[in-house]
Amino acid sequence: MIQLVMIVLFILPLVFQIIVGTKAIRHSISLSFWKVSLISLLIQLITTLGNLWLMGVLIRKSASREGLALIGVLAIELVAASVLLVVILIQGYILYRKKRLPAD
């Protein structure tokens, strides 16, 4: 069950950014795009800490007390954060192009 929670925590910031960031670009919500991006990055930080804590709990419960799994979780979180930054940059570029080009 904890593994399922960890998987959800890995993808939560990315899904939030894609859904709410798109709504912010279309101006269908009251938050600005950059506030949504900041919230998404904060969620990424919180979920990273949560996943590291959950992995620590799993390591303490297991028979082997090897902490190498924490490095694996941290590496996956770095990849997830990189993908999140790429999505934010792409959405920011879309917003820039939308504001720069006149509407037809």
N, C-alpha and C. Protein backbone atom coordinates (compact mmCIF):
# COMPACT_ATOMS: atom_id res chain seq x y z
N MET A 1 0.82 -1.19 0.00
CA MET A 1 0.00 0.00 0.00
C MET A 1 0.87 1.26 0.00
N ILE A 2 1.96 1.21 0.74
CA ILE A 2 2.85 2.38 0.80
C ILE A 2 3.47 2.65 -0.57
N GLN A 3 3.76 1.57 -1.31
CA GLN A 3 4.34 1.75 -2.64
C GLN A 3 3.38 2.48 -3.56
N LEU A 4 2.08 2.19 -3.45
CA LEU A 4 1.09 2.89 -4.27
C LEU A 4 1.03 4.37 -3.90
N VAL A 5 1.10 4.68 -2.63
CA VAL A 5 1.12 6.08 -2.19
C VAL A 5 2.36 6.78 -2.73
N MET A 6 3.48 6.09 -2.73
CA MET A 6 4.71 6.70 -3.24
C MET A 6 4.61 6.99 -4.74
N ILE A 7 4.00 6.08 -5.50
CA ILE A 7 3.83 6.31 -6.94
C ILE A 7 2.93 7.50 -7.18
N VAL A 8 1.85 7.60 -6.43
CA VAL A 8 0.94 8.75 -6.57
C VAL A 8 1.67 10.04 -6.22
N LEU A 9 2.49 10.01 -5.19
CA LEU A 9 3.24 11.21 -4.81
C LEU A 9 4.27 11.60 -5.86
N PHE A 10 4.79 10.62 -6.60
CA PHE A 10 5.74 10.94 -7.66
C PHE A 10 5.09 11.76 -8.77
N ILE A 11 3.86 11.40 -9.15
CA ILE A 11 3.22 12.04 -10.31
C ILE A 11 2.29 13.18 -9.95
N LEU A 12 1.96 13.37 -8.69
CA LEU A 12 1.01 14.40 -8.27
C LEU A 12 1.39 15.81 -8.72
N PRO A 13 2.63 16.28 -8.51
CA PRO A 13 2.96 17.65 -8.94
C PRO A 13 2.88 17.85 -10.46
N LEU A 14 3.27 16.83 -11.21
CA LEU A 14 3.23 16.93 -12.67
C LEU A 14 1.79 17.00 -13.17
N VAL A 15 0.93 16.15 -12.64
CA VAL A 15 -0.49 16.18 -13.04
C VAL A 15 -1.12 17.50 -12.65
N PHE A 16 -0.81 18.00 -11.45
CA PHE A 16 -1.34 19.29 -11.01
C PHE A 16 -0.91 20.40 -11.96
N GLN A 17 0.38 20.41 -12.32
CA GLN A 17 0.89 21.46 -13.20
C GLN A 17 0.24 21.40 -14.58
N ILE A 18 0.09 20.22 -15.12
CA ILE A 18 -0.50 20.10 -16.46
C ILE A 18 -1.95 20.56 -16.45
N ILE A 19 -2.73 20.13 -15.48
CA ILE A 19 -4.16 20.47 -15.46
C ILE A 19 -4.37 21.92 -15.08
N VAL A 20 -3.85 22.33 -13.94
CA VAL A 20 -4.11 23.68 -13.45
C VAL A 20 -3.30 24.71 -14.24
N GLY A 21 -2.12 24.35 -14.70
CA GLY A 21 -1.33 25.27 -15.52
C GLY A 21 -2.01 25.58 -16.84
N THR A 22 -2.62 24.58 -17.45
CA THR A 22 -3.37 24.81 -18.69
C THR A 22 -4.56 25.72 -18.44
N LYS A 23 -5.25 25.51 -17.32
CA LYS A 23 -6.38 26.38 -16.98
C LYS A 23 -5.91 27.81 -16.72
N ALA A 24 -4.73 27.95 -16.12
CA ALA A 24 -4.20 29.30 -15.86
C ALA A 24 -3.82 30.00 -17.16
N ILE A 25 -3.30 29.26 -18.12
CA ILE A 25 -2.95 29.85 -19.42
C ILE A 25 -4.21 30.32 -20.13
N ARG A 26 -5.28 29.55 -20.02
CA ARG A 26 -6.55 29.91 -20.66
C ARG A 26 -7.35 30.93 -19.85
N HIS A 27 -6.86 31.31 -18.69
CA HIS A 27 -7.50 32.27 -17.80
C HIS A 27 -8.87 31.80 -17.33
N SER A 28 -9.03 30.49 -17.14
CA SER A 28 -10.29 29.98 -16.63
C SER A 28 -10.28 29.81 -15.11
N ILE A 29 -9.15 30.15 -14.46
CA ILE A 29 -9.07 30.19 -13.00
C ILE A 29 -8.49 31.53 -12.59
N SER A 30 -8.65 31.85 -11.32
CA SER A 30 -8.21 33.18 -10.87
C SER A 30 -6.71 33.24 -10.58
N LEU A 31 -6.04 32.11 -10.43
CA LEU A 31 -4.60 32.11 -10.15
C LEU A 31 -3.82 32.41 -11.43
N SER A 32 -2.71 33.12 -11.27
CA SER A 32 -1.85 33.35 -12.43
C SER A 32 -1.02 32.10 -12.69
N PHE A 33 -0.47 32.03 -13.89
CA PHE A 33 0.33 30.86 -14.26
C PHE A 33 1.54 30.71 -13.35
N TRP A 34 2.19 31.80 -13.01
CA TRP A 34 3.41 31.72 -12.20
C TRP A 34 3.10 31.31 -10.77
N LYS A 35 1.93 31.68 -10.25
CA LYS A 35 1.53 31.19 -8.92
C LYS A 35 1.27 29.69 -8.96
N VAL A 36 0.63 29.23 -10.02
CA VAL A 36 0.40 27.80 -10.18
C VAL A 36 1.73 27.04 -10.26
N SER A 37 2.69 27.60 -10.99
CA SER A 37 4.00 26.97 -11.11
C SER A 37 4.72 26.92 -9.75
N LEU A 38 4.62 27.99 -8.99
CA LEU A 38 5.23 28.01 -7.66
C LEU A 38 4.57 26.99 -6.74
N ILE A 39 3.26 26.89 -6.78
CA ILE A 39 2.55 25.90 -5.99
C ILE A 39 2.98 24.49 -6.39
N SER A 40 3.13 24.27 -7.68
CA SER A 40 3.54 22.96 -8.19
C SER A 40 4.95 22.62 -7.70
N LEU A 41 5.86 23.57 -7.72
CA LEU A 41 7.21 23.32 -7.22
C LEU A 41 7.22 23.05 -5.72
N LEU A 42 6.38 23.75 -4.97
CA LEU A 42 6.28 23.49 -3.53
C LEU A 42 5.71 22.11 -3.27
N ILE A 43 4.71 21.71 -4.06
CA ILE A 43 4.17 20.35 -3.93
C ILE A 43 5.25 19.32 -4.24
N GLN A 44 6.08 19.61 -5.24
CA GLN A 44 7.18 18.70 -5.59
C GLN A 44 8.14 18.55 -4.40
N LEU A 45 8.47 19.64 -3.75
CA LEU A 45 9.36 19.58 -2.60
C LEU A 45 8.73 18.78 -1.45
N ILE A 46 7.47 19.04 -1.18
CA ILE A 46 6.77 18.34 -0.09
C ILE A 46 6.64 16.86 -0.39
N THR A 47 6.30 16.50 -1.63
CA THR A 47 6.17 15.08 -1.96
C THR A 47 7.53 14.38 -1.96
N THR A 48 8.59 15.09 -2.30
CA THR A 48 9.92 14.50 -2.23
C THR A 48 10.25 14.14 -0.79
N LEU A 49 10.01 15.08 0.11
CA LEU A 49 10.26 14.79 1.52
C LEU A 49 9.37 13.66 2.03
N GLY A 50 8.11 13.65 1.58
CA GLY A 50 7.18 12.59 1.98
C GLY A 50 7.63 11.23 1.47
N ASN A 51 8.08 11.16 0.22
CA ASN A 51 8.55 9.89 -0.33
C ASN A 51 9.81 9.41 0.38
N LEU A 52 10.71 10.32 0.69
CA LEU A 52 11.92 9.92 1.42
C LEU A 52 11.56 9.40 2.82
N TRP A 53 10.60 10.03 3.46
CA TRP A 53 10.15 9.57 4.78
C TRP A 53 9.50 8.20 4.68
N LEU A 54 8.63 8.01 3.66
CA LEU A 54 7.98 6.71 3.49
C LEU A 54 9.00 5.61 3.19
N MET A 55 10.01 5.92 2.39
CA MET A 55 11.04 4.92 2.12
C MET A 55 11.83 4.60 3.38
N GLY A 56 12.06 5.61 4.21
CA GLY A 56 12.71 5.35 5.49
C GLY A 56 11.90 4.43 6.38
N VAL A 57 10.58 4.61 6.36
CA VAL A 57 9.70 3.72 7.13
C VAL A 57 9.79 2.29 6.59
N LEU A 58 9.77 2.16 5.26
CA LEU A 58 9.88 0.82 4.67
C LEU A 58 11.22 0.17 4.99
N ILE A 59 12.29 0.95 4.99
CA ILE A 59 13.60 0.39 5.31
C ILE A 59 13.66 -0.06 6.76
N ARG A 60 13.09 0.72 7.66
CA ARG A 60 13.11 0.33 9.08
C ARG A 60 12.30 -0.94 9.32
N LYS A 61 11.24 -1.16 8.53
CA LYS A 61 10.41 -2.36 8.70
C LYS A 61 11.03 -3.60 8.07
N SER A 62 11.92 -3.43 7.10
CA SER A 62 12.49 -4.58 6.40
C SER A 62 13.60 -5.23 7.21
N ALA A 63 13.95 -6.42 6.78
CA ALA A 63 15.01 -7.15 7.48
C ALA A 63 16.38 -6.55 7.20
N SER A 64 16.60 -6.13 5.96
CA SER A 64 17.89 -5.51 5.64
C SER A 64 17.79 -4.01 5.91
N ARG A 65 18.77 -3.47 6.51
CA ARG A 65 18.78 -2.06 6.90
C ARG A 65 19.62 -1.23 5.93
N GLU A 66 19.60 -1.59 4.67
CA GLU A 66 20.39 -0.90 3.67
C GLU A 66 19.66 0.36 3.21
N GLY A 67 20.34 1.48 3.17
CA GLY A 67 19.72 2.74 2.81
C GLY A 67 19.88 3.13 1.36
N LEU A 68 20.31 2.19 0.52
CA LEU A 68 20.52 2.49 -0.89
C LEU A 68 19.21 2.83 -1.60
N ALA A 69 18.11 2.32 -1.10
CA ALA A 69 16.81 2.62 -1.71
C ALA A 69 16.48 4.11 -1.60
N LEU A 70 16.98 4.75 -0.56
CA LEU A 70 16.76 6.20 -0.42
C LEU A 70 17.42 6.96 -1.57
N ILE A 71 18.58 6.50 -1.99
CA ILE A 71 19.27 7.13 -3.12
C ILE A 71 18.45 6.93 -4.40
N GLY A 72 17.84 5.76 -4.55
CA GLY A 72 16.99 5.50 -5.71
C GLY A 72 15.77 6.40 -5.74
N VAL A 73 15.14 6.57 -4.60
CA VAL A 73 13.98 7.46 -4.51
C VAL A 73 14.39 8.89 -4.82
N LEU A 74 15.52 9.30 -4.30
CA LEU A 74 16.00 10.66 -4.56
C LEU A 74 16.31 10.86 -6.05
N ALA A 75 16.87 9.84 -6.69
CA ALA A 75 17.16 9.94 -8.13
C ALA A 75 15.88 10.03 -8.94
N ILE A 76 14.88 9.24 -8.59
CA ILE A 76 13.59 9.30 -9.29
C ILE A 76 12.94 10.66 -9.06
N GLU A 77 13.05 11.19 -7.88
CA GLU A 77 12.48 12.51 -7.59
C GLU A 77 13.19 13.60 -8.40
N LEU A 78 14.49 13.47 -8.59
CA LEU A 78 15.22 14.44 -9.41
C LEU A 78 14.75 14.38 -10.86
N VAL A 79 14.50 13.18 -11.36
CA VAL A 79 13.97 13.04 -12.72
C VAL A 79 12.57 13.65 -12.80
N ALA A 80 11.74 13.37 -11.80
CA ALA A 80 10.38 13.92 -11.78
C ALA A 80 10.41 15.45 -11.70
N ALA A 81 11.32 16.00 -10.92
CA ALA A 81 11.45 17.46 -10.83
C ALA A 81 11.94 18.05 -12.15
N SER A 82 12.83 17.33 -12.83
CA SER A 82 13.30 17.80 -14.14
C SER A 82 12.17 17.82 -15.16
N VAL A 83 11.37 16.77 -15.17
CA VAL A 83 10.22 16.72 -16.08
C VAL A 83 9.24 17.84 -15.74
N LEU A 84 9.02 18.09 -14.46
CA LEU A 84 8.13 19.17 -14.04
C LEU A 84 8.66 20.52 -14.52
N LEU A 85 9.95 20.75 -14.40
CA LEU A 85 10.53 22.01 -14.88
C LEU A 85 10.39 22.17 -16.39
N VAL A 86 10.56 21.08 -17.12
CA VAL A 86 10.38 21.14 -18.57
C VAL A 86 8.94 21.49 -18.92
N VAL A 87 7.98 20.88 -18.22
CA VAL A 87 6.56 21.20 -18.46
C VAL A 87 6.28 22.66 -18.13
N ILE A 88 6.83 23.17 -17.04
CA ILE A 88 6.63 24.57 -16.68
C ILE A 88 7.23 25.48 -17.75
N LEU A 89 8.41 25.15 -18.22
CA LEU A 89 9.04 25.97 -19.26
C LEU A 89 8.24 25.95 -20.56
N ILE A 90 7.74 24.80 -20.94
CA ILE A 90 6.93 24.71 -22.16
C ILE A 90 5.65 25.51 -22.01
N GLN A 91 4.99 25.37 -20.86
CA GLN A 91 3.76 26.14 -20.64
C GLN A 91 4.06 27.63 -20.56
N GLY A 92 5.18 28.00 -19.97
CA GLY A 92 5.57 29.41 -19.93
C GLY A 92 5.83 29.97 -21.32
N TYR A 93 6.44 29.17 -22.18
CA TYR A 93 6.67 29.60 -23.56
C TYR A 93 5.34 29.75 -24.30
N ILE A 94 4.42 28.84 -24.07
CA ILE A 94 3.09 28.95 -24.69
C ILE A 94 2.40 30.23 -24.23
N LEU A 95 2.49 30.52 -22.94
CA LEU A 95 1.89 31.75 -22.42
C LEU A 95 2.55 32.98 -23.02
N TYR A 96 3.88 32.96 -23.16
CA TYR A 96 4.62 34.07 -23.76
C TYR A 96 4.18 34.29 -25.20
N ARG A 97 4.09 33.21 -25.96
CA ARG A 97 3.68 33.33 -27.36
C ARG A 97 2.23 33.80 -27.47
N LYS A 98 1.40 33.37 -26.54
CA LYS A 98 -0.01 33.78 -26.56
C LYS A 98 -0.14 35.27 -26.29
N LYS A 99 0.64 35.78 -25.37
CA LYS A 99 0.58 37.23 -25.05
C LYS A 99 1.27 38.07 -26.13
N ARG A 100 2.27 37.53 -26.77
CA ARG A 100 3.06 38.28 -27.75
C ARG A 100 2.34 38.41 -29.08
N LEU A 101 1.70 37.35 -29.53
CA LEU A 101 1.02 37.38 -30.82
C LEU A 101 -0.37 37.98 -30.66
N PRO A 102 -0.76 38.88 -31.57
CA PRO A 102 -2.11 39.44 -31.46
C PRO A 102 -3.16 38.39 -31.83
N ALA A 103 -4.30 38.50 -31.19
CA ALA A 103 -5.40 37.59 -31.49
C ALA A 103 -6.03 37.95 -32.82
N ASP A 104 -6.34 36.93 -33.60
CA ASP A 104 -6.95 37.17 -34.92
C ASP A 104 -8.44 37.38 -34.81
